[in-house]
Amino acid sequence: MTGPYLARSPIIVGAMAMSDLVGMMAPRRAAPLPTDRPLNILVANLAHLGDLIILLPLLARLRASKRTAQLGLLIGSWGRAALELGDFADVVHVVDHWRLNRGEASLTTKIRRHAGTRAAAVPEMRRQVYDVAIDTYAYFGNSADLLWSVGAPMRIGFTSGGAGTLYTHRLSFDPRLSMSGNQSRLLEPMLGAPSTWDAQAAGLPGFQPDPEVERLADTLGACVVLHIGPGATHKDWPAAQWIALGHRLRADGFHLVFTGAAGESAHGEGVRQSLGGTNLLGRLSLRGFATLLRRARGLATIDTVAAHLAACFEVPTVIVQPGITPPNLWRPNQPYVAPVTHSVPCAPCHLTHGCAAMTCIRSVPAEALYAALVEVMSAKAAR
């Protein structure tokens, strides 16, 4: 962090500081909340799929609250896939922020897309007459200006992403807590009592399993999912270690299932050939992936969305985790999870793409991951 901001680049820090100054000059647009009826609540997070799945505990809490009348969700179009997992909101609004757009279009095209989706979404959100708007994104690219434009009388968010002066209730980001733990604090101005759930599974209200994947799972028996990833340098675990882990799991009688996107098929092919098992790369929708994880005995994965999706079903999970960020920051919300890393003096380095050596992840032995997975599987079985 640089001062109150979650950023290292002087340019971005300067932009966030300027946005705070501009926000101080803007009209407050604040008013007392009505006490004679439930509230219309808008939750915003313009980031990607993993960020939305991390957000599920907060949405579930609001869904269950008697203070909620209508629940709206403001997301980027790339987050729509999460909506097939369950019943999370009554109304969905879309804005594609230029900074969070990972598409291959030019920056100019992304900025035009941002302006167009914003112009359509703001009047749409105003018509819903939201009483409370909660911005759950803690980084630059948040929704502070959007929520101010919508005019909700209570606007809650983190100061760490800039433009925090546009919120009526501003919270500093606490680096000692997980992302979910920080997000739970955003409910305090509305609900009053502290709300923390660092080890509470999110659940997927309204989730409908994929019947075809259910039938496939019936044939797999006791399976463990290996999610090797695309081979990104800062998250990649050596193939020899994946193979050693797989052999230990096969010796215990588990069937191995490999998952990932179709574009990841070139990476880890040697691992799959060495271990056998079932290769499902590129064959599962997000709903199908969730269905498979729900039936799995365990999951071994790199630091990616798979761990957060597995947490929704309390699937015992081990994560080969790099030392780029504090170990607790992206911890999935469930009790049966074990991030495993190799301790190095430079961690956390906060380098987006890590370093050339990445000793923190490449030196994690297969035996450590195997022992951690056995431990969390045993803990769940004992319960």
Protein backbone atom coordinates (compact mmCIF):
# COMPACT_ATOMS: atom_id res chain seq x y z
CA MET A 1 0.00 0.00 0.00
CA THR A 2 1.02 3.61 -0.60
CA GLY A 3 -0.56 5.65 2.17
CA PRO A 4 -4.29 4.88 2.13
CA TYR A 5 -4.18 3.38 -1.39
CA LEU A 6 -3.78 -0.20 -2.62
CA ALA A 7 -1.29 0.64 -5.38
CA ARG A 8 2.43 1.00 -6.01
CA SER A 9 2.59 3.00 -9.25
CA PRO A 10 3.16 6.72 -8.57
CA ILE A 11 0.95 7.55 -11.55
CA ILE A 12 -2.00 5.55 -10.23
CA VAL A 13 -1.49 6.80 -6.68
CA GLY A 14 -1.46 10.35 -8.02
CA ALA A 15 -4.66 9.72 -9.98
CA MET A 16 -6.39 8.32 -6.89
CA ALA A 17 -5.28 11.29 -4.76
CA MET A 18 -6.62 13.68 -7.40
CA SER A 19 -9.94 11.79 -7.50
CA ASP A 20 -10.23 12.29 -3.73
CA LEU A 21 -9.70 16.03 -4.13
CA VAL A 22 -12.36 16.21 -6.85
CA GLY A 23 -14.74 14.19 -4.69
CA MET A 24 -14.36 16.65 -1.83
CA MET A 25 -15.80 19.38 -4.06
CA ALA A 26 -18.78 17.32 -5.25
CA PRO A 27 -22.26 17.74 -3.69
CA ARG A 28 -22.77 15.27 -0.86
CA ARG A 29 -26.00 13.63 -2.09
CA ALA A 30 -26.63 12.13 1.34
CA ALA A 31 -29.88 11.66 3.29
CA PRO A 32 -31.14 9.60 6.25
CA LEU A 33 -32.27 6.06 5.45
CA PRO A 34 -35.99 5.30 5.74
CA THR A 35 -36.88 3.33 8.87
CA ASP A 36 -40.44 2.36 7.96
CA ARG A 37 -39.65 -0.12 5.16
CA PRO A 38 -36.98 -2.52 3.85
CA LEU A 39 -34.27 -1.02 1.66
CA ASN A 40 -33.35 -1.23 -2.00
CA ILE A 41 -29.64 -2.14 -2.00
CA LEU A 42 -27.11 -2.04 -4.81
CA VAL A 43 -23.82 -4.01 -4.57
CA ALA A 44 -21.07 -3.08 -7.03
CA ASN A 45 -17.98 -4.98 -8.17
CA LEU A 46 -16.78 -4.39 -11.74
CA ALA A 47 -13.92 -6.91 -11.53
CA HIS A 48 -13.75 -10.48 -12.74
CA LEU A 49 -15.23 -13.89 -12.06
CA GLY A 50 -13.14 -14.74 -9.01
CA ASP A 51 -13.96 -11.39 -7.42
CA LEU A 52 -17.68 -12.05 -7.82
CA ILE A 53 -17.44 -15.52 -6.31
CA ILE A 54 -15.51 -14.06 -3.36
CA LEU A 55 -18.41 -11.64 -2.99
CA LEU A 56 -21.03 -14.39 -2.50
CA PRO A 57 -20.99 -14.37 1.34
CA LEU A 58 -21.90 -10.68 1.35
CA LEU A 59 -24.70 -11.20 -1.19
CA ALA A 60 -26.03 -14.17 0.78
CA ARG A 61 -26.04 -12.11 3.97
CA LEU A 62 -27.99 -9.31 2.29
CA ARG A 63 -30.42 -11.77 0.69
CA ALA A 64 -31.23 -13.16 4.14
CA SER A 65 -31.55 -9.77 5.86
CA LYS A 66 -34.97 -8.40 6.72
CA ARG A 67 -33.63 -4.97 5.84
CA THR A 68 -33.37 -5.93 2.15
CA ALA A 69 -36.32 -5.32 -0.15
CA GLN A 70 -34.63 -5.45 -3.57
CA LEU A 71 -31.02 -6.43 -4.23
CA GLY A 72 -29.26 -5.05 -7.30
CA LEU A 73 -25.84 -6.04 -8.64
CA LEU A 74 -23.49 -3.84 -10.70
CA ILE A 75 -20.87 -5.89 -12.60
CA GLY A 76 -18.77 -5.96 -15.77
CA SER A 77 -20.13 -7.98 -18.69
CA TRP A 78 -17.31 -10.50 -18.14
CA GLY A 79 -18.88 -11.36 -14.78
CA ARG A 80 -22.19 -12.52 -16.27
CA ALA A 81 -21.01 -16.13 -16.22
CA ALA A 82 -21.29 -16.09 -12.42
CA LEU A 83 -25.03 -15.54 -12.73
CA GLU A 84 -25.54 -19.09 -13.98
CA LEU A 85 -24.43 -20.37 -10.59
CA GLY A 86 -27.42 -19.21 -8.56
CA ASP A 87 -29.96 -16.61 -7.56
CA PHE A 88 -27.83 -13.70 -6.34
CA ALA A 89 -29.75 -10.54 -7.24
CA ASP A 90 -33.10 -9.22 -8.38
CA VAL A 91 -31.65 -6.77 -10.90
CA VAL A 92 -28.29 -6.80 -12.73
CA HIS A 93 -26.63 -3.71 -14.22
CA VAL A 94 -23.52 -3.76 -16.44
CA VAL A 95 -20.63 -1.29 -16.81
CA ASP A 96 -17.38 -2.37 -18.50
CA HIS A 97 -14.64 -0.33 -16.83
CA TRP A 98 -11.76 0.36 -19.23
CA ARG A 99 -9.10 -0.56 -16.68
CA LEU A 100 -10.69 -3.93 -15.84
CA ASN A 101 -11.38 -4.89 -19.46
CA ARG A 102 -9.02 -7.76 -20.33
CA GLY A 103 -10.17 -7.97 -23.94
CA GLU A 104 -7.80 -7.56 -26.87
CA ALA A 105 -9.37 -4.30 -28.08
CA SER A 106 -7.40 -1.05 -28.10
CA LEU A 107 -7.46 1.28 -25.11
CA THR A 108 -9.53 3.75 -27.13
CA THR A 109 -12.14 1.08 -27.84
CA LYS A 110 -12.21 0.07 -24.18
CA ILE A 111 -12.75 3.69 -23.11
CA ARG A 112 -15.62 4.03 -25.60
CA ARG A 113 -17.12 0.81 -24.28
CA HIS A 114 -16.82 2.13 -20.73
CA ALA A 115 -18.56 5.39 -21.65
CA GLY A 116 -21.36 3.65 -23.54
CA THR A 117 -22.16 1.09 -20.86
CA ARG A 118 -22.00 3.76 -18.17
CA ALA A 119 -24.37 6.05 -20.07
CA ALA A 120 -26.91 3.20 -20.31
CA ALA A 121 -26.50 1.91 -16.74
CA VAL A 122 -26.73 5.14 -14.71
CA PRO A 123 -30.32 6.07 -15.66
CA GLU A 124 -31.26 2.40 -15.35
CA MET A 125 -29.95 2.34 -11.76
CA ARG A 126 -31.60 5.67 -10.92
CA ARG A 127 -34.97 4.22 -11.87
CA GLN A 128 -34.51 1.50 -9.25
CA VAL A 129 -34.27 4.18 -6.49
CA TYR A 130 -31.56 2.52 -4.43
CA ASP A 131 -31.35 3.52 -0.76
CA VAL A 132 -27.91 1.98 -0.18
CA ALA A 133 -25.04 1.40 -2.60
CA ILE A 134 -22.06 -0.73 -1.51
CA ASP A 135 -18.83 -0.70 -3.53
CA THR A 136 -16.91 -3.88 -2.73
CA TYR A 137 -13.89 -3.33 -5.02
CA ALA A 138 -10.89 -2.06 -3.07
CA TYR A 139 -8.62 -1.09 -5.97
CA PHE A 140 -8.37 1.57 -8.66
CA GLY A 141 -11.26 0.95 -11.04
CA ASN A 142 -13.92 1.05 -8.34
CA SER A 143 -17.49 2.36 -8.69
CA ALA A 144 -17.33 5.41 -6.41
CA ASP A 145 -18.25 7.91 -9.14
CA LEU A 146 -20.97 5.62 -10.51
CA LEU A 147 -22.67 5.23 -7.15
CA TRP A 148 -22.46 9.00 -6.60
CA SER A 149 -24.14 9.53 -9.99
CA VAL A 150 -26.90 7.07 -9.06
CA GLY A 151 -27.69 9.24 -6.02
CA ALA A 152 -28.15 6.57 -3.34
CA PRO A 153 -28.32 8.45 0.00
CA MET A 154 -25.95 5.93 1.69
CA ARG A 155 -22.83 5.01 -0.29
CA ILE A 156 -20.29 2.71 1.35
CA GLY A 157 -16.82 1.81 0.09
CA PHE A 158 -13.08 1.57 0.67
CA THR A 159 -10.79 4.59 0.52
CA SER A 160 -8.04 2.37 -0.91
CA GLY A 161 -9.21 2.61 -4.55
CA GLY A 162 -9.45 6.37 -4.85
CA ALA A 163 -12.49 8.70 -5.05
CA GLY A 164 -13.34 7.63 -1.50
CA THR A 165 -14.58 11.12 -0.70
CA LEU A 166 -17.62 10.39 -2.89
CA TYR A 167 -18.83 7.80 -0.38
CA THR A 168 -20.93 8.80 2.60
CA HIS A 169 -19.34 6.02 4.67
CA ARG A 170 -15.64 5.41 4.04
CA LEU A 171 -13.62 2.45 5.33
CA SER A 172 -9.87 1.93 5.26
CA PHE A 173 -8.81 -1.43 3.83
CA ASP A 174 -7.37 -3.68 6.55
CA PRO A 175 -4.47 -5.73 5.10
CA ARG A 176 -4.60 -8.12 8.07
CA LEU A 177 -7.98 -9.45 6.96
CA SER A 178 -8.96 -11.49 3.93
CA MET A 179 -10.82 -9.81 1.09
CA SER A 180 -14.08 -11.34 2.34
CA GLY A 181 -13.33 -10.20 5.87
CA ASN A 182 -12.84 -6.66 4.64
CA GLN A 183 -16.01 -6.80 2.56
CA SER A 184 -18.03 -7.97 5.55
CA ARG A 185 -17.14 -4.69 7.29
CA LEU A 186 -18.97 -2.79 4.54
CA LEU A 187 -22.29 -3.99 5.98
CA GLU A 188 -21.72 -2.40 9.38
CA PRO A 189 -22.98 1.12 8.48
CA MET A 190 -26.28 -0.41 7.33
CA LEU A 191 -26.76 -3.40 9.65
CA GLY A 192 -24.99 -1.98 12.69
CA ALA A 193 -23.34 -5.02 14.29
CA PRO A 194 -19.89 -6.16 13.10
CA SER A 195 -20.16 -8.82 10.40
CA THR A 196 -17.17 -11.10 9.90
CA TRP A 197 -17.05 -14.60 8.41
CA ASP A 198 -13.50 -15.42 7.43
CA ALA A 199 -14.15 -19.17 7.51
CA GLN A 200 -17.81 -19.32 6.49
CA ALA A 201 -18.63 -21.07 3.22
CA ALA A 202 -20.46 -18.84 0.77
CA GLY A 203 -22.94 -21.36 -0.56
CA LEU A 204 -24.71 -20.99 -3.89
CA PRO A 205 -28.39 -20.18 -3.26
CA GLY A 206 -30.51 -21.49 -6.11
CA PHE A 207 -27.68 -23.54 -7.64
CA GLN A 208 -28.88 -26.19 -10.11
CA PRO A 209 -26.28 -28.92 -10.84
CA ASP A 210 -25.51 -29.81 -14.45
CA PRO A 211 -27.24 -33.19 -15.02
CA GLU A 212 -24.66 -34.37 -17.55
CA VAL A 213 -21.77 -33.65 -15.18
CA GLU A 214 -23.68 -35.32 -12.36
CA ARG A 215 -23.88 -38.50 -14.44
CA LEU A 216 -20.18 -38.24 -15.24
CA ALA A 217 -19.34 -37.79 -11.55
CA ASP A 218 -21.25 -40.98 -10.79
CA THR A 219 -18.73 -42.89 -12.92
CA LEU A 220 -15.65 -41.27 -11.38
CA GLY A 221 -16.09 -42.50 -7.83
CA ALA A 222 -13.82 -40.92 -5.22
CA CYS A 223 -12.04 -38.24 -7.23
CA VAL A 224 -9.61 -35.41 -6.59
CA VAL A 225 -9.50 -32.49 -9.00
CA LEU A 226 -6.11 -31.15 -10.15
CA HIS A 227 -6.32 -27.60 -11.54
CA ILE A 228 -2.85 -26.96 -12.97
CA GLY A 229 -3.56 -23.63 -14.65
CA PRO A 230 -2.31 -21.96 -17.84
CA GLY A 231 1.39 -21.86 -16.95
CA ALA A 232 1.64 -18.20 -15.92
CA THR A 233 5.19 -17.75 -14.63
CA HIS A 234 4.24 -16.25 -11.27
CA LYS A 235 1.75 -19.03 -10.43
CA ASP A 236 3.21 -22.10 -12.10
CA TRP A 237 4.15 -25.12 -9.98
CA PRO A 238 6.73 -27.50 -11.52
CA ALA A 239 5.38 -30.45 -13.49
CA ALA A 240 7.53 -32.90 -11.50
CA GLN A 241 5.76 -31.84 -8.31
CA TRP A 242 2.29 -32.24 -9.85
CA ILE A 243 3.28 -35.73 -10.97
CA ALA A 244 4.61 -36.66 -7.52
CA LEU A 245 1.41 -35.38 -5.89
CA GLY A 246 -0.74 -37.28 -8.38
CA HIS A 247 1.08 -40.55 -7.73
CA ARG A 248 0.50 -40.19 -3.97
CA LEU A 249 -3.21 -39.56 -4.52
CA ARG A 250 -3.56 -42.49 -6.94
CA ALA A 251 -1.84 -44.76 -4.42
CA ASP A 252 -4.56 -43.73 -1.94
CA GLY A 253 -7.22 -44.91 -4.40
CA PHE A 254 -8.37 -41.56 -5.76
CA HIS A 255 -9.34 -41.02 -9.39
CA LEU A 256 -7.66 -37.90 -10.79
CA VAL A 257 -9.64 -35.34 -12.79
CA PHE A 258 -7.93 -32.49 -14.64
CA THR A 259 -9.76 -29.22 -15.20
CA GLY A 260 -9.07 -25.89 -16.88
CA ALA A 261 -9.96 -23.80 -19.89
CA ALA A 262 -9.50 -25.09 -23.43
CA GLY A 263 -6.64 -22.63 -23.93
CA GLU A 264 -4.71 -24.25 -21.08
CA SER A 265 -4.53 -27.68 -22.73
CA ALA A 266 -0.97 -27.23 -23.99
CA HIS A 267 0.31 -26.69 -20.46
CA GLY A 268 0.51 -29.72 -18.17
CA GLU A 269 0.11 -32.27 -20.95
CA GLY A 270 3.13 -34.19 -19.66
CA VAL A 271 1.54 -34.30 -16.20
CA ARG A 272 -1.71 -35.72 -17.56
CA GLN A 273 0.09 -38.31 -19.68
CA SER A 274 2.16 -39.45 -16.70
CA LEU A 275 -0.80 -39.79 -14.34
CA GLY A 276 -3.74 -40.84 -16.49
CA GLY A 277 -7.16 -40.01 -15.10
CA THR A 278 -9.91 -37.95 -16.74
CA ASN A 279 -9.09 -34.86 -18.78
CA LEU A 280 -11.94 -32.31 -18.73
CA LEU A 281 -10.03 -29.24 -19.93
CA GLY A 282 -12.30 -27.10 -22.06
CA ARG A 283 -15.27 -29.44 -21.58
CA LEU A 284 -17.05 -27.80 -18.65
CA SER A 285 -19.19 -24.71 -18.37
CA LEU A 286 -18.86 -22.76 -15.13
CA ARG A 287 -22.01 -24.49 -13.88
CA GLY A 288 -20.53 -27.85 -14.89
CA PHE A 289 -17.26 -27.04 -13.14
CA ALA A 290 -19.17 -26.16 -9.97
CA THR A 291 -21.11 -29.43 -10.26
CA LEU A 292 -17.89 -31.43 -10.53
CA LEU A 293 -16.25 -29.66 -7.59
CA ARG A 294 -19.37 -30.25 -5.50
CA ARG A 295 -18.89 -34.01 -6.00
CA ALA A 296 -15.08 -34.08 -5.56
CA ARG A 297 -13.32 -35.37 -2.45
CA GLY A 298 -10.65 -32.70 -2.78
CA LEU A 299 -9.03 -30.07 -4.96
CA ALA A 300 -5.38 -29.18 -5.56
CA THR A 301 -5.00 -25.94 -7.45
CA ILE A 302 -2.90 -22.91 -8.18
CA ASP A 303 -4.11 -19.57 -6.80
CA THR A 304 -7.17 -19.07 -9.00
CA VAL A 305 -10.97 -18.95 -9.06
CA ALA A 306 -11.23 -22.75 -8.68
CA ALA A 307 -10.41 -22.50 -4.97
CA HIS A 308 -13.13 -19.89 -4.36
CA LEU A 309 -15.72 -21.89 -6.29
CA ALA A 310 -14.82 -25.03 -4.31
CA ALA A 311 -15.27 -23.05 -1.10
CA CYS A 312 -18.96 -22.64 -1.91
CA PHE A 313 -19.35 -26.38 -1.25
CA GLU A 314 -16.67 -26.73 1.46
CA VAL A 315 -14.59 -28.97 -0.77
CA PRO A 316 -11.24 -29.72 0.96
CA THR A 317 -8.75 -27.60 -0.96
CA VAL A 318 -5.00 -27.00 -1.08
CA ILE A 319 -3.56 -24.03 -2.97
CA VAL A 320 0.00 -23.73 -4.22
CA GLN A 321 0.27 -20.06 -3.38
CA PRO A 322 2.95 -17.59 -4.46
CA GLY A 323 4.29 -15.08 -1.95
CA ILE A 324 3.21 -12.07 -3.99
CA THR A 325 0.46 -10.94 -1.60
CA PRO A 326 -0.13 -11.44 2.14
CA PRO A 327 -1.12 -15.11 2.65
CA ASN A 328 -4.50 -14.28 4.13
CA LEU A 329 -5.64 -11.73 1.52
CA TRP A 330 -7.24 -14.08 -1.02
CA ARG A 331 -7.96 -16.97 1.34
CA PRO A 332 -11.21 -18.71 0.30
CA ASN A 333 -14.13 -18.57 2.71
CA GLN A 334 -14.30 -22.02 4.20
CA PRO A 335 -12.69 -24.01 7.03
CA TYR A 336 -11.22 -26.82 4.88
CA VAL A 337 -8.61 -24.90 2.90
CA ALA A 338 -4.81 -24.81 3.18
CA PRO A 339 -2.68 -22.36 1.20
CA VAL A 340 0.85 -23.76 0.91
CA THR A 341 3.88 -21.63 0.09
CA HIS A 342 7.64 -21.73 0.59
CA SER A 343 8.77 -19.10 3.06
CA VAL A 344 11.13 -16.50 1.60
CA PRO A 345 12.32 -13.22 3.13
CA CYS A 346 11.06 -11.12 0.19
CA ALA A 347 7.41 -12.18 0.61
CA PRO A 348 5.01 -10.55 0.23
CA CYS A 349 6.65 -8.68 -2.66
CA HIS A 350 3.44 -7.13 -4.08
CA LEU A 351 4.85 -7.54 -7.60
CA THR A 352 1.97 -8.17 -9.98
CA HIS A 353 3.89 -10.72 -12.07
CA GLY A 354 6.33 -11.89 -9.41
CA CYS A 355 10.04 -12.30 -10.08
CA ALA A 356 12.18 -14.53 -12.28
CA ALA A 357 13.01 -17.00 -9.51
CA MET A 358 9.57 -17.40 -7.85
CA THR A 359 11.21 -19.56 -5.17
CA CYS A 360 8.13 -19.05 -3.01
CA ILE A 361 6.11 -21.37 -5.23
CA ARG A 362 8.63 -23.44 -7.18
CA SER A 363 10.25 -24.74 -3.98
CA VAL A 364 7.00 -26.07 -2.51
CA PRO A 365 7.47 -29.88 -2.36
CA ALA A 366 4.73 -32.26 -3.43
CA GLU A 367 4.84 -33.90 -0.02
CA ALA A 368 3.82 -30.63 1.66
CA LEU A 369 0.80 -30.24 -0.61
CA TYR A 370 -0.16 -33.90 -0.17
CA ALA A 371 0.06 -33.67 3.63
CA ALA A 372 -2.04 -30.49 3.67
CA LEU A 373 -4.70 -32.06 1.45
CA VAL A 374 -4.90 -35.20 3.59
CA GLU A 375 -5.27 -33.00 6.65
CA VAL A 376 -8.18 -30.92 5.32
CA MET A 377 -9.91 -34.00 3.85
CA SER A 378 -9.60 -35.78 7.20
CA ALA A 379 -10.95 -32.73 9.02
CA LYS A 380 -14.06 -32.64 6.86
CA ALA A 381 -14.54 -36.41 7.09
CA ALA A 382 -14.31 -36.21 10.88
CA ARG A 383 -17.06 -33.61 10.97
